[in-house]
Amino acid sequence: MDLGTRFGTNSWNGTRISRVRRALALGVIVLLVSGAAAPLASAQCVMCKTALTDSPEGRAINQTFNRAILLMLIAPYALVGTLMATVFRRPLAAVLVQRMRPGRLRRVLERRLRTPRPGR
C-alpha cells in the first residue's frame, strides 16, 4: 500500500499544497515579527506596572516580572504544539517521506512507518 494513500495525502492537489505553504510562510513571518517585538513590549497591565515602578523593590524585579509573564504566555502554545506533533507524527512523517529526496533519513522514516503501531 502506498504511504500517501494510507494516510490520505494523495488527495491534496498542488493548489492546496501551495496555499498551505503560503499560510505556513505567513505564520512564520508573523511569529518572527512578534518575537522581535517581544523585548520591546511591556507584558504588564497598567496596575502592575504602576505598582512595580513606584517602589525600589518593584523596579529591581521589573524585567524579571516581564519575562515571567511572557513565559506564561508562551507555555500553553508550546504544550499544544508538542501534543499536536505527537498525535499527528505518523501522517506528518508520511508527507515528509513523499517530499524527501532519496537518502538515509528517508529510509529511516519509511522503515518506521512500515512498523505496526503498538496496540493495533
Protein backbone atom coordinates (compact mmCIF):
# COMPACT_ATOMS: atom_id res chain seq x y z
CA MET A 1 0.00 0.00 0.00
CA ASP A 2 1.27 3.44 -0.88
CA LEU A 3 2.03 5.51 2.21
CA GLY A 4 0.34 8.56 0.71
CA THR A 5 -2.86 6.60 0.08
CA ARG A 6 -2.70 5.05 3.53
CA PHE A 7 -2.64 8.43 5.25
CA GLY A 8 -4.80 10.27 2.73
CA THR A 9 -2.11 12.63 1.49
CA ASN A 10 -2.54 11.93 -2.24
CA SER A 11 -5.88 13.74 -2.21
CA TRP A 12 -4.09 17.08 -1.87
CA ASN A 13 -3.58 18.70 -5.21
CA GLY A 14 -0.80 21.16 -5.98
CA THR A 15 -3.02 24.21 -5.44
CA ARG A 16 -3.93 23.24 -1.91
CA ILE A 17 -0.31 22.47 -1.04
CA SER A 18 0.80 25.86 -2.31
CA ARG A 19 -1.89 27.52 -0.18
CA VAL A 20 -0.72 25.57 2.85
CA ARG A 21 2.88 26.59 2.17
CA ARG A 22 1.85 30.22 1.76
CA ALA A 23 -0.12 30.14 5.02
CA LEU A 24 2.78 28.45 6.80
CA ALA A 25 5.24 31.06 5.50
CA LEU A 26 2.92 33.86 6.61
CA GLY A 27 2.60 32.28 10.05
CA VAL A 28 6.38 32.03 10.40
CA ILE A 29 6.81 35.67 9.38
CA VAL A 30 4.17 36.81 11.89
CA LEU A 31 5.83 34.71 14.60
CA LEU A 32 9.25 36.20 13.86
CA VAL A 33 7.93 39.78 13.82
CA SER A 34 6.01 39.29 17.05
CA GLY A 35 9.03 37.59 18.61
CA ALA A 36 11.25 40.51 17.63
CA ALA A 37 8.79 42.94 19.20
CA ALA A 38 8.51 40.94 22.45
CA PRO A 39 11.53 42.51 24.19
CA LEU A 40 10.11 45.94 23.40
CA ALA A 41 6.67 45.08 24.71
CA SER A 42 5.68 45.63 28.28
CA ALA A 43 3.89 42.49 29.38
CA GLN A 44 2.23 44.12 32.35
CA CYS A 45 -1.16 45.65 32.87
CA VAL A 46 -1.29 49.28 33.95
CA MET A 47 -1.90 48.47 37.62
CA CYS A 48 1.04 46.05 37.83
CA LYS A 49 3.34 48.48 36.07
CA THR A 50 2.38 51.29 38.45
CA ALA A 51 2.90 49.08 41.50
CA LEU A 52 6.32 47.93 40.27
CA THR A 53 7.65 51.31 39.19
CA ASP A 54 6.57 53.15 42.35
CA SER A 55 8.76 51.15 44.72
CA PRO A 56 12.51 50.46 44.70
CA GLU A 57 11.90 46.72 45.13
CA GLY A 58 9.49 46.74 42.22
CA ARG A 59 11.97 48.50 39.94
CA ALA A 60 14.54 45.82 40.79
CA ILE A 61 12.27 42.96 39.68
CA ASN A 62 10.53 44.74 36.77
CA GLN A 63 12.48 42.98 33.98
CA THR A 64 12.16 39.57 35.64
CA PHE A 65 8.44 40.12 36.05
CA ASN A 66 8.07 40.91 32.33
CA ARG A 67 9.96 37.77 31.35
CA ALA A 68 7.82 35.64 33.66
CA ILE A 69 4.63 36.97 32.07
CA LEU A 70 5.93 36.29 28.56
CA LEU A 71 6.94 32.77 29.61
CA MET A 72 3.42 32.13 30.92
CA LEU A 73 2.02 33.29 27.58
CA ILE A 74 4.29 31.02 25.52
CA ALA A 75 3.95 27.85 27.61
CA PRO A 76 0.40 26.84 26.51
CA TYR A 77 1.30 27.22 22.83
CA ALA A 78 4.42 25.11 23.26
CA LEU A 79 2.42 22.45 25.10
CA VAL A 80 -0.33 22.29 22.46
CA GLY A 81 2.25 22.27 19.65
CA THR A 82 4.09 19.36 21.24
CA LEU A 83 0.83 17.48 21.74
CA MET A 84 -0.24 18.00 18.12
CA ALA A 85 3.18 16.93 16.81
CA THR A 86 2.91 13.76 18.89
CA VAL A 87 -0.64 12.97 17.77
CA PHE A 88 -0.02 13.63 14.07
CA ARG A 89 3.52 12.20 13.97
CA ARG A 90 2.82 9.36 11.50
CA PRO A 91 0.78 11.37 8.96
CA LEU A 92 3.41 14.14 9.06
CA ALA A 93 6.17 11.58 8.52
CA ALA A 94 4.27 10.13 5.54
CA VAL A 95 4.07 13.56 3.92
CA LEU A 96 7.78 14.17 4.62
CA VAL A 97 8.74 10.84 3.05
CA GLN A 98 6.86 11.73 -0.14
CA ARG A 99 8.63 15.08 -0.42
CA MET A 100 12.17 14.00 0.50
CA ARG A 101 14.93 13.06 -1.87
CA PRO A 102 16.32 9.54 -1.55
CA GLY A 103 18.77 9.22 1.31
CA ARG A 104 19.38 7.81 4.74
CA LEU A 105 16.78 9.91 6.57
CA ARG A 106 14.09 8.93 4.06
CA ARG A 107 14.92 5.23 4.51
CA VAL A 108 14.69 5.57 8.31
CA LEU A 109 11.30 7.30 8.10
CA GLU A 110 9.98 4.69 5.64
CA ARG A 111 11.11 1.88 7.93
CA ARG A 112 9.42 3.48 10.94
CA LEU A 113 6.19 3.97 9.00
CA ARG A 114 6.12 0.31 7.98
CA THR A 115 6.37 -0.96 11.56
CA PRO A 116 2.95 -1.57 13.10
CA ARG A 117 1.74 0.72 15.82
CA PRO A 118 1.64 -0.77 19.31
CA GLY A 119 -1.79 -1.92 20.33
CA ARG A 120 -3.14 -2.31 16.77
